[in-house]
PDB file of N, CA and C in Angstrom:
ATOM      1  N   MET A   1      11.285   4.195   2.235  1.00  0.00           N
ATOM      2  CA  MET A   1      11.203   4.646   3.615  1.00  0.00           C
ATOM      3  C   MET A   1       9.739   4.902   3.979  1.00  0.00           C
ATOM      4  N   VAL A   2       9.364   4.491   5.157  1.00  0.00           N
ATOM      5  CA  VAL A   2       7.999   4.676   5.648  1.00  0.00           C
ATOM      6  C   VAL A   2       7.786   6.142   6.025  1.00  0.00           C
ATOM      7  N   THR A   3       6.634   6.674   5.652  1.00  0.00           N
ATOM      8  CA  THR A   3       6.307   8.056   5.995  1.00  0.00           C
ATOM      9  C   THR A   3       5.209   8.087   7.062  1.00  0.00           C
ATOM     10  N   PRO A   4       5.076   9.215   7.752  1.00  0.00           N
ATOM     11  CA  PRO A   4       3.961   9.344   8.700  1.00  0.00           C
ATOM     12  C   PRO A   4       2.608   9.097   8.031  1.00  0.00           C
ATOM     13  N   GLN A   5       2.457   9.516   6.778  1.00  0.00           N
ATOM     14  CA  GLN A   5       1.193   9.309   6.062  1.00  0.00           C
ATOM     15  C   GLN A   5       0.922   7.827   5.834  1.00  0.00           C
ATOM     16  N   ASP A   6       1.982   7.046   5.586  1.00  0.00           N
ATOM     17  CA  ASP A   6       1.820   5.593   5.424  1.00  0.00           C
ATOM     18  C   ASP A   6       1.222   4.993   6.694  1.00  0.00           C
ATOM     19  N   ILE A   7       1.836   5.318   7.823  1.00  0.00           N
ATOM     20  CA  ILE A   7       1.391   4.752   9.103  1.00  0.00           C
ATOM     21  C   ILE A   7      -0.030   5.200   9.417  1.00  0.00           C
ATOM     22  N   LYS A   8      -0.313   6.471   9.186  1.00  0.00           N
ATOM     23  CA  LYS A   8      -1.667   7.001   9.405  1.00  0.00           C
ATOM     24  C   LYS A   8      -2.677   6.185   8.603  1.00  0.00           C
ATOM     25  N   GLY A   9      -2.400   5.948   7.339  1.00  0.00           N
ATOM     26  CA  GLY A   9      -3.310   5.190   6.476  1.00  0.00           C
ATOM     27  C   GLY A   9      -3.490   3.757   6.941  1.00  0.00           C
ATOM     28  N   TRP A  10      -2.403   3.110   7.353  1.00  0.00           N
ATOM     29  CA  TRP A  10      -2.485   1.719   7.813  1.00  0.00           C
ATOM     30  C   TRP A  10      -3.331   1.604   9.077  1.00  0.00           C
ATOM     31  N   ILE A  11      -3.129   2.540  10.016  1.00  0.00           N
ATOM     32  CA  ILE A  11      -3.898   2.491  11.261  1.00  0.00           C
ATOM     33  C   ILE A  11      -5.368   2.782  10.993  1.00  0.00           C
ATOM     34  N   GLU A  12      -5.639   3.810  10.197  1.00  0.00           N
ATOM     35  CA  GLU A  12      -7.028   4.159   9.894  1.00  0.00           C
ATOM     36  C   GLU A  12      -7.736   3.036   9.138  1.00  0.00           C
ATOM     37  N   ALA A  13      -7.017   2.304   8.305  1.00  0.00           N
ATOM     38  CA  ALA A  13      -7.614   1.185   7.573  1.00  0.00           C
ATOM     39  C   ALA A  13      -7.932   0.019   8.510  1.00  0.00           C
ATOM     40  N   GLY A  14      -7.140  -0.123   9.564  1.00  0.00           N
ATOM     41  CA  GLY A  14      -7.323  -1.244  10.471  1.00  0.00           C
ATOM     42  C   GLY A  14      -8.206  -0.972  11.668  1.00  0.00           C
ATOM     43  N   LEU A  15      -8.454   0.308  11.954  1.00  0.00           N
ATOM     44  CA  LEU A  15      -9.283   0.687  13.110  1.00  0.00           C
ATOM     45  C   LEU A  15     -10.374   1.640  12.626  1.00  0.00           C
ATOM     46  N   GLU A  16     -11.559   1.107  12.465  1.00  0.00           N
ATOM     47  CA  GLU A  16     -12.667   1.898  11.931  1.00  0.00           C
ATOM     48  C   GLU A  16     -12.947   3.120  12.799  1.00  0.00           C
ATOM     49  N   GLY A  17     -13.045   4.268  12.153  1.00  0.00           N
ATOM     50  CA  GLY A  17     -13.384   5.508  12.837  1.00  0.00           C
ATOM     51  C   GLY A  17     -12.223   6.162  13.564  1.00  0.00           C
ATOM     52  N   ALA A  18     -11.016   5.631  13.417  1.00  0.00           N
ATOM     53  CA  ALA A  18      -9.856   6.195  14.119  1.00  0.00           C
ATOM     54  C   ALA A  18      -9.457   7.529  13.512  1.00  0.00           C
ATOM     55  N   GLN A  19      -9.080   8.444  14.388  1.00  0.00           N
ATOM     56  CA  GLN A  19      -8.487   9.718  13.985  1.00  0.00           C
ATOM     57  C   GLN A  19      -7.026   9.641  14.417  1.00  0.00           C
ATOM     58  N   VAL A  20      -6.120   9.803  13.455  1.00  0.00           N
ATOM     59  CA  VAL A  20      -4.709   9.542  13.709  1.00  0.00           C
ATOM     60  C   VAL A  20      -3.864  10.745  13.327  1.00  0.00           C
ATOM     61  N   GLU A  21      -2.959  11.120  14.217  1.00  0.00           N
ATOM     62  CA  GLU A  21      -1.945  12.132  13.934  1.00  0.00           C
ATOM     63  C   GLU A  21      -0.591  11.479  14.148  1.00  0.00           C
ATOM     64  N   ILE A  22       0.287  11.582  13.143  1.00  0.00           N
ATOM     65  CA  ILE A  22       1.606  10.950  13.214  1.00  0.00           C
ATOM     66  C   ILE A  22       2.672  11.979  12.864  1.00  0.00           C
ATOM     67  N   GLU A  23       3.745  11.969  13.619  1.00  0.00           N
ATOM     68  CA  GLU A  23       4.937  12.747  13.294  1.00  0.00           C
ATOM     69  C   GLU A  23       6.113  11.788  13.323  1.00  0.00           C
ATOM     70  N   GLY A  24       7.101  12.043  12.482  1.00  0.00           N
ATOM     71  CA  GLY A  24       8.265  11.172  12.500  1.00  0.00           C
ATOM     72  C   GLY A  24       9.269  11.512  11.421  1.00  0.00           C
ATOM     73  N   ASP A  25      10.416  10.851  11.528  1.00  0.00           N
ATOM     74  CA  ASP A  25      11.533  11.141  10.632  1.00  0.00           C
ATOM     75  C   ASP A  25      11.873   9.974   9.692  1.00  0.00           C
ATOM     76  N   GLY A  26      10.989   8.994   9.610  1.00  0.00           N
ATOM     77  CA  GLY A  26      11.266   7.840   8.776  1.00  0.00           C
ATOM     78  C   GLY A  26      11.756   6.646   9.566  1.00  0.00           C
ATOM     79  N   HIS A  27      12.207   6.871  10.787  1.00  0.00           N
ATOM     80  CA  HIS A  27      12.679   5.787  11.649  1.00  0.00           C
ATOM     81  C   HIS A  27      11.923   5.748  12.973  1.00  0.00           C
ATOM     82  N   HIS A  28      11.715   6.921  13.566  1.00  0.00           N
ATOM     83  CA  HIS A  28      11.017   7.039  14.846  1.00  0.00           C
ATOM     84  C   HIS A  28       9.760   7.863  14.627  1.00  0.00           C
ATOM     85  N   PHE A  29       8.649   7.361  15.186  1.00  0.00           N
ATOM     86  CA  PHE A  29       7.363   8.020  14.975  1.00  0.00           C
ATOM     87  C   PHE A  29       6.634   8.200  16.301  1.00  0.00           C
ATOM     88  N   ASP A  30       5.867   9.285  16.387  1.00  0.00           N
ATOM     89  CA  ASP A  30       4.991   9.565  17.528  1.00  0.00           C
ATOM     90  C   ASP A  30       3.572   9.634  16.988  1.00  0.00           C
ATOM     91  N   ALA A  31       2.652   8.929  17.651  1.00  0.00           N
ATOM     92  CA  ALA A  31       1.273   8.871  17.182  1.00  0.00           C
ATOM     93  C   ALA A  31       0.303   9.240  18.295  1.00  0.00           C
ATOM     94  N   VAL A  32      -0.739   9.978  17.922  1.00  0.00           N
ATOM     95  CA  VAL A  32      -1.895  10.207  18.776  1.00  0.00           C
ATOM     96  C   VAL A  32      -3.066   9.584  18.034  1.00  0.00           C
ATOM     97  N   ILE A  33      -3.718   8.614  18.683  1.00  0.00           N
ATOM     98  CA  ILE A  33      -4.777   7.851  18.027  1.00  0.00           C
ATOM     99  C   ILE A  33      -6.038   7.906  18.891  1.00  0.00           C
ATOM    100  N   VAL A  34      -7.109   8.440  18.321  1.00  0.00           N
ATOM    101  CA  VAL A  34      -8.404   8.511  18.996  1.00  0.00           C
ATOM    102  C   VAL A  34      -9.341   7.589  18.234  1.00  0.00           C
ATOM    103  N   CYS A  35      -9.922   6.625  18.950  1.00  0.00           N
ATOM    104  CA  CYS A  35     -10.756   5.633  18.267  1.00  0.00           C
ATOM    105  C   CYS A  35     -11.913   5.204  19.167  1.00  0.00           C
ATOM    106  N   PRO A  36     -13.136   5.188  18.642  1.00  0.00           N
ATOM    107  CA  PRO A  36     -14.277   4.739  19.437  1.00  0.00           C
ATOM    108  C   PRO A  36     -14.109   3.313  19.972  1.00  0.00           C
ATOM    109  N   ALA A  37     -13.403   2.463  19.243  1.00  0.00           N
ATOM    110  CA  ALA A  37     -13.214   1.067  19.668  1.00  0.00           C
ATOM    111  C   ALA A  37     -12.360   0.953  20.930  1.00  0.00           C
ATOM    112  N   PHE A  38     -11.681   2.024  21.320  1.00  0.00           N
ATOM    113  CA  PHE A  38     -10.847   2.007  22.526  1.00  0.00           C
ATOM    114  C   PHE A  38     -11.672   2.167  23.807  1.00  0.00           C
ATOM    115  N   ALA A  39     -12.927   2.558  23.687  1.00  0.00           N
ATOM    116  CA  ALA A  39     -13.763   2.796  24.873  1.00  0.00           C
ATOM    117  C   ALA A  39     -13.813   1.561  25.762  1.00  0.00           C
ATOM    118  N   GLY A  40     -13.541   1.765  27.045  1.00  0.00           N
ATOM    119  CA  GLY A  40     -13.608   0.693  28.020  1.00  0.00           C
ATOM    120  C   GLY A  40     -12.405  -0.243  28.016  1.00  0.00           C
ATOM    121  N   LYS A  41     -11.409   0.040  27.189  1.00  0.00           N
ATOM    122  CA  LYS A  41     -10.230  -0.816  27.103  1.00  0.00           C
ATOM    123  C   LYS A  41      -9.048  -0.166  27.840  1.00  0.00           C
ATOM    124  N   SER A  42      -8.173  -0.999  28.374  1.00  0.00           N
ATOM    125  CA  SER A  42      -6.968  -0.490  29.031  1.00  0.00           C
ATOM    126  C   SER A  42      -6.003   0.039  27.968  1.00  0.00           C
ATOM    127  N   MET A  43      -4.996   0.801  28.406  1.00  0.00           N
ATOM    128  CA  MET A  43      -4.002   1.322  27.484  1.00  0.00           C
ATOM    129  C   MET A  43      -3.295   0.168  26.765  1.00  0.00           C
ATOM    130  N   LEU A  44      -2.987  -0.888  27.504  1.00  0.00           N
ATOM    131  CA  LEU A  44      -2.332  -2.050  26.905  1.00  0.00           C
ATOM    132  C   LEU A  44      -3.198  -2.667  25.804  1.00  0.00           C
ATOM    133  N   GLU A  45      -4.491  -2.810  26.067  1.00  0.00           N
ATOM    134  CA  GLU A  45      -5.411  -3.362  25.063  1.00  0.00           C
ATOM    135  C   GLU A  45      -5.500  -2.443  23.843  1.00  0.00           C
ATOM    136  N   GLN A  46      -5.517  -1.133  24.075  1.00  0.00           N
ATOM    137  CA  GLN A  46      -5.570  -0.167  22.977  1.00  0.00           C
ATOM    138  C   GLN A  46      -4.325  -0.283  22.104  1.00  0.00           C
ATOM    139  N   HIS A  47      -3.160  -0.351  22.736  1.00  0.00           N
ATOM    140  CA  HIS A  47      -1.907  -0.453  21.982  1.00  0.00           C
ATOM    141  C   HIS A  47      -1.862  -1.764  21.197  1.00  0.00           C
ATOM    142  N   LYS A  48      -2.363  -2.833  21.793  1.00  0.00           N
ATOM    143  CA  LYS A  48      -2.406  -4.118  21.101  1.00  0.00           C
ATOM    144  C   LYS A  48      -3.272  -4.016  19.844  1.00  0.00           C
ATOM    145  N   MET A  49      -4.376  -3.290  19.927  1.00  0.00           N
ATOM    146  CA  MET A  49      -5.248  -3.109  18.771  1.00  0.00           C
ATOM    147  C   MET A  49      -4.507  -2.370  17.646  1.00  0.00           C
ATOM    148  N   VAL A  50      -3.696  -1.377  18.011  1.00  0.00           N
ATOM    149  CA  VAL A  50      -2.920  -0.646  17.004  1.00  0.00           C
ATOM    150  C   VAL A  50      -1.886  -1.572  16.374  1.00  0.00           C
ATOM    151  N   TYR A  51      -1.181  -2.348  17.211  1.00  0.00           N
ATOM    152  CA  TYR A  51      -0.191  -3.297  16.683  1.00  0.00           C
ATOM    153  C   TYR A  51      -0.843  -4.299  15.738  1.00  0.00           C
ATOM    154  N   GLU A  52      -2.046  -4.753  16.079  1.00  0.00           N
ATOM    155  CA  GLU A  52      -2.760  -5.685  15.196  1.00  0.00           C
ATOM    156  C   GLU A  52      -3.117  -5.013  13.873  1.00  0.00           C
ATOM    157  N   ALA A  53      -3.500  -3.739  13.924  1.00  0.00           N
ATOM    158  CA  ALA A  53      -3.830  -3.008  12.696  1.00  0.00           C
ATOM    159  C   ALA A  53      -2.591  -2.863  11.804  1.00  0.00           C
ATOM    160  N   LEU A  54      -1.430  -2.720  12.416  1.00  0.00           N
ATOM    161  CA  LEU A  54      -0.192  -2.560  11.649  1.00  0.00           C
ATOM    162  C   LEU A  54       0.398  -3.894  11.210  1.00  0.00           C
ATOM    163  N   GLY A  55       0.061  -4.961  11.907  1.00  0.00           N
ATOM    164  CA  GLY A  55       0.521  -6.296  11.521  1.00  0.00           C
ATOM    165  C   GLY A  55       2.032  -6.408  11.431  1.00  0.00           C
ATOM    166  N   ASP A  56       2.508  -7.057  10.390  1.00  0.00           N
ATOM    167  CA  ASP A  56       3.940  -7.311  10.210  1.00  0.00           C
ATOM    168  C   ASP A  56       4.747  -6.050   9.940  1.00  0.00           C
ATOM    169  N   LYS A  57       4.077  -4.958   9.645  1.00  0.00           N
ATOM    170  CA  LYS A  57       4.802  -3.702   9.397  1.00  0.00           C
ATOM    171  C   LYS A  57       5.576  -3.250  10.641  1.00  0.00           C
ATOM    172  N   MET A  58       5.081  -3.624  11.829  1.00  0.00           N
ATOM    173  CA  MET A  58       5.791  -3.273  13.067  1.00  0.00           C
ATOM    174  C   MET A  58       7.115  -4.025  13.169  1.00  0.00           C
ATOM    175  N   LYS A  59       7.210  -5.173  12.545  1.00  0.00           N
ATOM    176  CA  LYS A  59       8.435  -5.978  12.622  1.00  0.00           C
ATOM    177  C   LYS A  59       9.452  -5.558  11.572  1.00  0.00           C
ATOM    178  N   ALA A  60       8.973  -5.134  10.420  1.00  0.00           N
ATOM    179  CA  ALA A  60       9.883  -4.900   9.304  1.00  0.00           C
ATOM    180  C   ALA A  60      10.046  -3.426   8.924  1.00  0.00           C
ATOM    181  N   GLU A  61       8.957  -2.693   8.841  1.00  0.00           N
ATOM    182  CA  GLU A  61       9.014  -1.355   8.256  1.00  0.00           C
ATOM    183  C   GLU A  61       9.058  -0.216   9.273  1.00  0.00           C
ATOM    184  N   ILE A  62       8.490  -0.427  10.453  1.00  0.00           N
ATOM    185  CA  ILE A  62       8.435   0.620  11.469  1.00  0.00           C
ATOM    186  C   ILE A  62       9.401   0.241  12.585  1.00  0.00           C
ATOM    187  N   HIS A  63      10.397   1.078  12.808  1.00  0.00           N
ATOM    188  CA  HIS A  63      11.427   0.745  13.790  1.00  0.00           C
ATOM    189  C   HIS A  63      11.035   1.159  15.207  1.00  0.00           C
ATOM    190  N   ALA A  64      10.383   2.299  15.355  1.00  0.00           N
ATOM    191  CA  ALA A  64       9.989   2.776  16.677  1.00  0.00           C
ATOM    192  C   ALA A  64       8.706   3.594  16.558  1.00  0.00           C
ATOM    193  N   LEU A  65       7.731   3.230  17.364  1.00  0.00           N
ATOM    194  CA  LEU A  65       6.451   3.934  17.356  1.00  0.00           C
ATOM    195  C   LEU A  65       6.018   4.188  18.793  1.00  0.00           C
ATOM    196  N   SER A  66       5.945   5.447  19.153  1.00  0.00           N
ATOM    197  CA  SER A  66       5.439   5.854  20.456  1.00  0.00           C
ATOM    198  C   SER A  66       3.981   6.261  20.271  1.00  0.00           C
ATOM    199  N   MET A  67       3.095   5.745  21.136  1.00  0.00           N
ATOM    200  CA  MET A  67       1.666   5.994  20.947  1.00  0.00           C
ATOM    201  C   MET A  67       1.019   6.616  22.162  1.00  0.00           C
ATOM    202  N   LYS A  68       0.082   7.503  21.895  1.00  0.00           N
ATOM    203  CA  LYS A  68      -0.868   7.972  22.903  1.00  0.00           C
ATOM    204  C   LYS A  68      -2.229   7.605  22.333  1.00  0.00           C
ATOM    205  N   THR A  69      -2.951   6.735  23.044  1.00  0.00           N
ATOM    206  CA  THR A  69      -4.236   6.255  22.545  1.00  0.00           C
ATOM    207  C   THR A  69      -5.348   6.657  23.501  1.00  0.00           C
ATOM    208  N   MET A  70      -6.538   6.917  22.941  1.00  0.00           N
ATOM    209  CA  MET A  70      -7.689   7.283  23.771  1.00  0.00           C
ATOM    210  C   MET A  70      -8.981   7.118  22.996  1.00  0.00           C
ATOM    211  N   ALA A  71     -10.064   6.956  23.757  1.00  0.00           N
ATOM    212  CA  ALA A  71     -11.403   6.963  23.175  1.00  0.00           C
ATOM    213  C   ALA A  71     -11.838   8.419  23.011  1.00  0.00           C
ATOM    214  N   PRO A  72     -12.813   8.697  22.144  1.00  0.00           N
ATOM    215  CA  PRO A  72     -13.231  10.070  21.873  1.00  0.00           C
ATOM    216  C   PRO A  72     -13.705  10.877  23.085  1.00  0.00           C
ATOM    217  N   GLU A  73     -14.336  10.246  24.062  1.00  0.00           N
ATOM    218  CA  GLU A  73     -14.891  11.021  25.160  1.00  0.00           C
ATOM    219  C   GLU A  73     -13.868  11.640  26.052  1.00  0.00           C
TER     220      GLU A  73
END
């Protein structure tokens, strides 16, 4: 079963400088992600960057992920 710590590690590995907070029950997760790379990007672009960092894990291992994304400023 996927843990919040797993998802946190995957996102942080894929998005340099990201600060990630994850809560969840193994099936549904809520994430707050602050990353310098999000600066100047739309919410859709930010979420796409997170999905890219997670790769195939979004299709197989993570069933539901709700995200709040923002740049540090």
